[in-house]
Amino acid sequence: MQNTSELLAPLIFPPVCVLCGELTGIALEGEDSHEQSSNSRRRFASFCRVCETALVQSAPAMRSACERCAWPAAGHVRPSHVEDDPEVSGDADVPDALPCPECVRRQTAFSFKSVTAIYRYHEVVRHAIIAAKYPRNTAIARELAVRLADRYRAGEARLSLCVPDDTTDAEGESDQSPMVTHVPSPFWRQFRRGGVGTGSLASRFAREMNFWFGSLLETTRSVQKQALLDDEARRENVRGAFRVRRRWKKRVSGRNVLLVDDVMTTGATADEISRVLLDAGAARVDLLVVARAIRDAQK
């Protein structure tokens, strides 16, 4: 009966692109956008060929981006084994030993340990990210979450993060698996959209990975919209604006946390939140975003 329903459903409800509404075809195995786990793979493509092509054009460059800031500069990523080995870290002849120029330009390192980004921020990606913030576009949020999970799996060994094992607590949660959380939105923005914004993306990502998810953070005051501010104003805008919710403080201690957001531009918000999580006892914070915005060189 399940197979029959899968065959009849497209005839009654033809599969359409979640972005533009055009009809889509059968999802092809092996495409960048459909390297999904067996339990999430869908038979029909979520995007039409035009939107899919535009969406994934920056994916190859982002796979070779800097692991600390996600700046797409292939050849400038310092491998972890080189970074940790003082005997070779200064050897110019070591392949890929050159530090990322954007990381060098920063006066201080980010508080988060790594960044995983699927795409570079551009027009079609922007449309998908904005649409995913609204509850009526759950299909887009789900699709982006699945792709973020695929990207995370591909780089999991490189990031050296803990993975789930057979040890679970009373609530069925693995003591070794990362905790997933998101960048909190002010209440009035959630009310206006009718949803929690990146919370939906983060929760779907956690479900795909079978990781624990929770809204660990809350805002302590109102903040301006970051897109309207310059780099220094962004940092000042979010300084002291977040805290770990009291009910989660003990659980955060000693754990790896995956912070999920939609876009990283200067990294000011994620940096501040990561600092708050580390101060609360988190062992490590890694940032996962759908897209990395590339502007002028960061200061």
Protein backbone atom coordinates (compact mmCIF):
# COMPACT_ATOMS: atom_id res chain seq x y z
CA MET A 1 0.00 0.00 0.00
CA GLN A 2 2.87 2.34 0.76
CA ASN A 3 4.40 1.76 -2.67
CA THR A 4 1.03 2.32 -4.33
CA SER A 5 0.50 5.60 -2.49
CA GLU A 6 3.98 6.78 -3.49
CA LEU A 7 3.14 6.06 -7.13
CA LEU A 8 -0.26 7.75 -7.03
CA ALA A 9 0.69 10.82 -4.96
CA PRO A 10 2.60 12.58 -7.78
CA LEU A 11 -0.42 12.16 -10.06
CA ILE A 12 -2.73 13.84 -7.56
CA PHE A 13 -0.21 16.35 -6.19
CA PRO A 14 2.50 16.88 -8.85
CA PRO A 15 5.90 17.60 -7.24
CA VAL A 16 6.83 21.25 -7.58
CA CYS A 17 9.89 23.33 -6.75
CA VAL A 18 9.69 24.64 -3.19
CA LEU A 19 11.15 27.95 -4.36
CA CYS A 20 9.52 28.84 -7.69
CA GLY A 21 6.62 26.41 -7.98
CA GLU A 22 7.72 24.85 -11.27
CA LEU A 23 7.34 21.12 -11.74
CA THR A 24 10.30 19.03 -10.66
CA GLY A 25 11.50 15.64 -11.79
CA ILE A 26 12.88 12.50 -10.25
CA ALA A 27 15.70 13.13 -7.75
CA LEU A 28 18.96 11.91 -9.28
CA GLU A 29 21.39 9.86 -7.20
CA GLY A 30 24.85 11.32 -6.70
CA GLU A 31 23.99 15.00 -7.23
CA ASP A 32 25.46 17.37 -4.63
CA SER A 33 21.99 18.33 -3.48
CA HIS A 34 20.83 14.77 -2.96
CA GLU A 35 23.70 13.06 -1.14
CA GLN A 36 21.26 12.27 1.62
CA SER A 37 21.05 9.51 4.16
CA SER A 38 18.87 6.53 3.29
CA ASN A 39 16.21 7.49 5.82
CA SER A 40 15.86 11.00 4.38
CA ARG A 41 16.27 10.43 0.64
CA ARG A 42 13.19 11.48 -1.28
CA ARG A 43 12.13 10.21 -4.63
CA PHE A 44 11.34 13.60 -6.15
CA ALA A 45 13.60 16.64 -6.28
CA SER A 46 12.72 19.55 -3.99
CA PHE A 47 13.94 22.16 -6.46
CA CYS A 48 13.52 22.51 -10.20
CA ARG A 49 16.59 22.20 -12.39
CA VAL A 50 17.02 25.99 -12.73
CA CYS A 51 16.79 26.70 -8.99
CA GLU A 52 18.90 23.66 -8.14
CA THR A 53 21.69 24.73 -10.49
CA ALA A 54 21.69 28.28 -9.11
CA LEU A 55 21.54 27.06 -5.53
CA VAL A 56 24.49 24.65 -5.61
CA GLN A 57 26.90 26.63 -7.78
CA SER A 58 29.03 27.66 -4.79
CA ALA A 59 28.98 24.29 -2.99
CA PRO A 60 32.32 22.99 -4.37
CA ALA A 61 34.18 26.14 -3.27
CA MET A 62 32.67 25.99 0.21
CA ARG A 63 33.81 22.40 0.70
CA SER A 64 37.41 23.63 0.53
CA ALA A 65 36.82 26.79 2.60
CA CYS A 66 38.72 27.64 5.77
CA GLU A 67 37.56 25.42 8.60
CA ARG A 68 37.82 28.24 11.16
CA CYS A 69 35.94 31.03 9.33
CA ALA A 70 34.47 29.38 6.18
CA TRP A 71 36.16 31.90 3.90
CA PRO A 72 36.24 30.21 0.46
CA ALA A 73 39.97 30.42 -0.23
CA ALA A 74 41.12 27.01 -1.42
CA GLY A 75 44.72 26.23 -0.52
CA HIS A 76 44.72 28.39 2.61
CA VAL A 77 43.18 25.90 5.02
CA ARG A 78 45.64 24.83 7.67
CA PRO A 79 45.03 21.14 8.47
CA SER A 80 44.54 20.31 12.15
CA HIS A 81 47.61 18.04 12.28
CA VAL A 82 49.80 20.87 10.94
CA GLU A 83 48.28 23.43 13.27
CA ASP A 84 48.91 21.23 16.31
CA ASP A 85 52.46 20.15 15.37
CA PRO A 86 55.06 22.83 16.24
CA GLU A 87 57.73 21.04 14.20
CA VAL A 88 55.88 21.56 10.93
CA SER A 89 53.57 24.48 11.58
CA GLY A 90 56.16 26.95 10.38
CA ASP A 91 57.33 24.90 7.42
CA ALA A 92 56.35 26.69 4.22
CA ASP A 93 56.94 23.51 2.22
CA VAL A 94 54.10 21.63 3.95
CA PRO A 95 51.13 21.34 1.52
CA ASP A 96 48.15 23.50 2.47
CA ALA A 97 50.04 24.88 5.48
CA LEU A 98 49.31 28.52 4.61
CA PRO A 99 46.92 30.13 7.11
CA CYS A 100 43.65 31.62 5.90
CA PRO A 101 44.22 35.32 5.10
CA GLU A 102 40.90 36.28 6.68
CA CYS A 103 41.83 34.54 9.94
CA VAL A 104 45.20 36.33 9.90
CA ARG A 105 43.45 39.70 9.49
CA ARG A 106 41.31 39.14 12.56
CA GLN A 107 42.68 40.65 15.75
CA THR A 108 41.28 37.81 17.86
CA ALA A 109 40.22 34.26 17.01
CA PHE A 110 36.55 33.28 16.98
CA SER A 111 35.22 31.60 20.10
CA PHE A 112 33.70 28.80 18.03
CA LYS A 113 36.11 26.10 16.90
CA SER A 114 34.97 25.60 13.31
CA VAL A 115 32.43 26.67 10.72
CA THR A 116 30.57 24.41 8.30
CA ALA A 117 28.78 26.21 5.46
CA ILE A 118 26.97 24.67 2.51
CA TYR A 119 26.83 27.62 0.12
CA ARG A 120 28.11 31.09 -0.48
CA TYR A 121 25.39 33.67 0.17
CA HIS A 122 23.90 34.77 -3.15
CA GLU A 123 20.52 35.54 -4.70
CA VAL A 124 18.83 32.11 -4.83
CA VAL A 125 20.36 31.07 -1.49
CA ARG A 126 19.05 34.30 0.03
CA HIS A 127 15.52 33.57 -1.23
CA ALA A 128 15.65 30.05 0.23
CA ILE A 129 16.96 31.24 3.61
CA ILE A 130 14.40 34.03 3.98
CA ALA A 131 11.55 31.72 2.96
CA ALA A 132 12.68 29.04 5.43
CA LYS A 133 12.13 31.43 8.36
CA TYR A 134 8.34 31.28 7.91
CA PRO A 135 6.20 28.35 9.11
CA ARG A 136 4.35 28.15 5.79
CA ASN A 137 7.62 27.14 4.09
CA THR A 138 8.47 24.07 6.15
CA ALA A 139 9.49 22.17 3.00
CA ILE A 140 12.32 24.62 2.40
CA ALA A 141 13.50 24.51 6.03
CA ARG A 142 13.44 20.71 5.89
CA GLU A 143 15.42 20.61 2.65
CA LEU A 144 18.09 23.01 3.92
CA ALA A 145 18.35 21.05 7.18
CA VAL A 146 18.86 17.79 5.27
CA ARG A 147 21.59 19.36 3.16
CA LEU A 148 23.25 20.83 6.23
CA ALA A 149 23.24 17.37 7.81
CA ASP A 150 24.81 15.90 4.67
CA ARG A 151 27.51 18.57 4.74
CA TYR A 152 28.14 17.93 8.43
CA ARG A 153 28.49 14.18 7.90
CA ALA A 154 30.98 14.76 5.11
CA GLY A 155 33.22 16.83 7.38
CA GLU A 156 32.58 15.07 10.68
CA ALA A 157 35.90 13.22 10.72
CA ARG A 158 37.83 16.38 9.92
CA LEU A 159 36.09 18.33 12.66
CA SER A 160 36.89 15.52 15.15
CA LEU A 161 33.61 15.93 16.96
CA CYS A 162 32.20 13.31 19.31
CA VAL A 163 29.63 10.99 17.76
CA PRO A 164 26.76 9.10 19.39
CA ASP A 165 27.55 5.80 21.07
CA ASP A 166 25.55 3.25 23.01
CA THR A 167 25.75 5.21 26.28
CA THR A 168 22.52 7.10 26.92
CA ASP A 169 21.05 8.89 29.85
CA ALA A 170 17.63 8.43 31.41
CA GLU A 171 16.03 10.48 28.62
CA GLY A 172 17.62 8.39 25.88
CA GLU A 173 20.24 11.02 25.04
CA SER A 174 23.80 9.98 24.29
CA ASP A 175 26.32 11.46 26.71
CA GLN A 176 28.83 11.75 23.87
CA SER A 177 26.73 13.21 21.08
CA PRO A 178 26.79 16.96 20.39
CA MET A 179 23.95 19.15 21.58
CA VAL A 180 22.24 21.21 18.90
CA THR A 181 20.94 24.72 19.49
CA HIS A 182 20.21 27.85 17.49
CA VAL A 183 20.62 31.61 17.53
CA PRO A 184 17.64 32.98 19.48
CA SER A 185 15.39 35.58 17.88
CA PRO A 186 13.71 38.44 19.77
CA PHE A 187 10.12 37.62 20.64
CA TRP A 188 8.62 40.35 18.46
CA ARG A 189 10.40 38.96 15.38
CA GLN A 190 9.12 35.47 16.14
CA PHE A 191 5.61 36.86 16.60
CA ARG A 192 5.74 38.76 13.30
CA ARG A 193 6.90 35.67 11.37
CA GLY A 194 4.72 33.25 13.29
CA GLY A 195 7.72 30.99 14.01
CA VAL A 196 11.13 30.71 15.62
CA GLY A 197 13.27 31.32 12.54
CA THR A 198 16.50 29.35 12.77
CA GLY A 199 14.98 27.20 15.50
CA SER A 200 13.08 25.24 12.86
CA LEU A 201 16.24 24.71 10.81
CA ALA A 202 18.21 23.59 13.87
CA SER A 203 15.54 21.21 15.16
CA ARG A 204 15.18 19.53 11.76
CA PHE A 205 18.95 19.20 11.48
CA ALA A 206 19.08 17.58 14.93
CA ARG A 207 16.28 15.20 13.97
CA GLU A 208 18.15 14.21 10.81
CA MET A 209 21.34 13.53 12.82
CA ASN A 210 19.51 11.99 15.79
CA PHE A 211 21.12 14.55 18.11
CA TRP A 212 19.56 16.25 21.12
CA PHE A 213 18.06 19.67 20.33
CA GLY A 214 17.08 22.46 22.66
CA SER A 215 16.71 26.23 22.75
CA LEU A 216 19.62 26.70 25.13
CA LEU A 217 19.81 30.46 24.81
CA GLU A 218 17.70 33.52 25.41
CA THR A 219 18.19 37.21 24.77
CA THR A 220 18.83 39.54 27.70
CA ARG A 221 17.83 42.73 25.90
CA SER A 222 16.64 43.96 22.54
CA VAL A 223 19.16 44.07 19.68
CA GLN A 224 19.11 45.87 16.38
CA LYS A 225 18.98 43.97 13.11
CA GLN A 226 22.61 43.10 12.33
CA ALA A 227 22.21 43.61 8.57
CA LEU A 228 21.80 47.35 9.14
CA LEU A 229 25.10 47.77 11.04
CA ASP A 230 28.80 47.93 10.21
CA ASP A 231 31.27 45.40 11.59
CA GLU A 232 32.17 47.18 14.83
CA ALA A 233 28.54 48.11 15.51
CA ARG A 234 27.55 44.46 15.01
CA ARG A 235 29.96 43.33 17.69
CA GLU A 236 28.77 46.02 20.10
CA ASN A 237 25.12 45.27 19.28
CA VAL A 238 25.31 41.66 20.48
CA ARG A 239 27.79 42.07 23.33
CA GLY A 240 26.10 40.79 26.50
CA ALA A 241 22.82 40.22 24.64
CA PHE A 242 22.57 36.43 25.23
CA ARG A 243 22.66 33.99 28.11
CA VAL A 244 22.15 30.28 28.65
CA ARG A 245 18.72 29.48 30.04
CA ARG A 246 18.93 28.50 33.70
CA ARG A 247 17.29 25.11 33.13
CA TRP A 248 20.04 24.06 30.68
CA LYS A 249 23.17 25.29 32.47
CA LYS A 250 24.05 21.96 34.08
CA ARG A 251 23.43 19.98 30.89
CA VAL A 252 25.69 22.25 28.81
CA SER A 253 28.69 21.67 31.09
CA GLY A 254 31.34 19.52 29.44
CA ARG A 255 29.39 19.01 26.22
CA ASN A 256 30.11 19.79 22.57
CA VAL A 257 27.53 22.18 21.14
CA LEU A 258 26.56 22.63 17.50
CA LEU A 259 25.25 26.16 16.97
CA VAL A 260 23.00 26.35 13.90
CA ASP A 261 22.29 29.60 12.05
CA ASP A 262 21.23 30.50 8.54
CA VAL A 263 23.95 32.98 7.49
CA MET A 264 27.39 33.96 8.76
CA THR A 265 28.60 37.42 7.72
CA THR A 266 31.08 38.84 10.23
CA GLY A 267 30.48 36.07 12.75
CA ALA A 268 29.82 38.58 15.54
CA THR A 269 26.59 36.99 16.77
CA ALA A 270 27.90 33.41 16.64
CA ASP A 271 31.12 34.50 18.34
CA GLU A 272 29.26 36.14 21.22
CA ILE A 273 26.94 33.17 21.67
CA SER A 274 29.86 30.73 21.55
CA ARG A 275 31.64 32.73 24.24
CA VAL A 276 28.50 32.57 26.41
CA LEU A 277 28.24 28.79 25.91
CA LEU A 278 31.92 28.26 26.73
CA ASP A 279 31.60 30.42 29.84
CA ALA A 280 28.68 28.19 30.86
CA GLY A 281 30.96 25.16 30.68
CA ALA A 282 30.59 23.86 27.12
CA ALA A 283 33.65 21.91 26.02
CA ARG A 284 33.51 23.15 22.45
CA VAL A 285 31.23 25.06 20.10
CA ASP A 286 31.05 24.53 16.34
CA LEU A 287 29.02 26.68 13.99
CA LEU A 288 26.88 25.30 11.15
CA VAL A 289 25.31 27.67 8.63
CA VAL A 290 23.50 27.35 5.35
CA ALA A 291 25.55 30.13 3.77
CA ARG A 292 28.64 32.27 4.23
CA ALA A 293 28.28 35.89 3.16
CA ILE A 294 31.42 37.27 1.50
CA ARG A 295 31.90 41.01 1.92
CA ASP A 296 34.97 43.21 2.21
CA ALA A 297 37.84 41.77 4.23
CA GLN A 298 36.99 41.48 7.91
CA LYS A 299 38.93 43.53 10.43
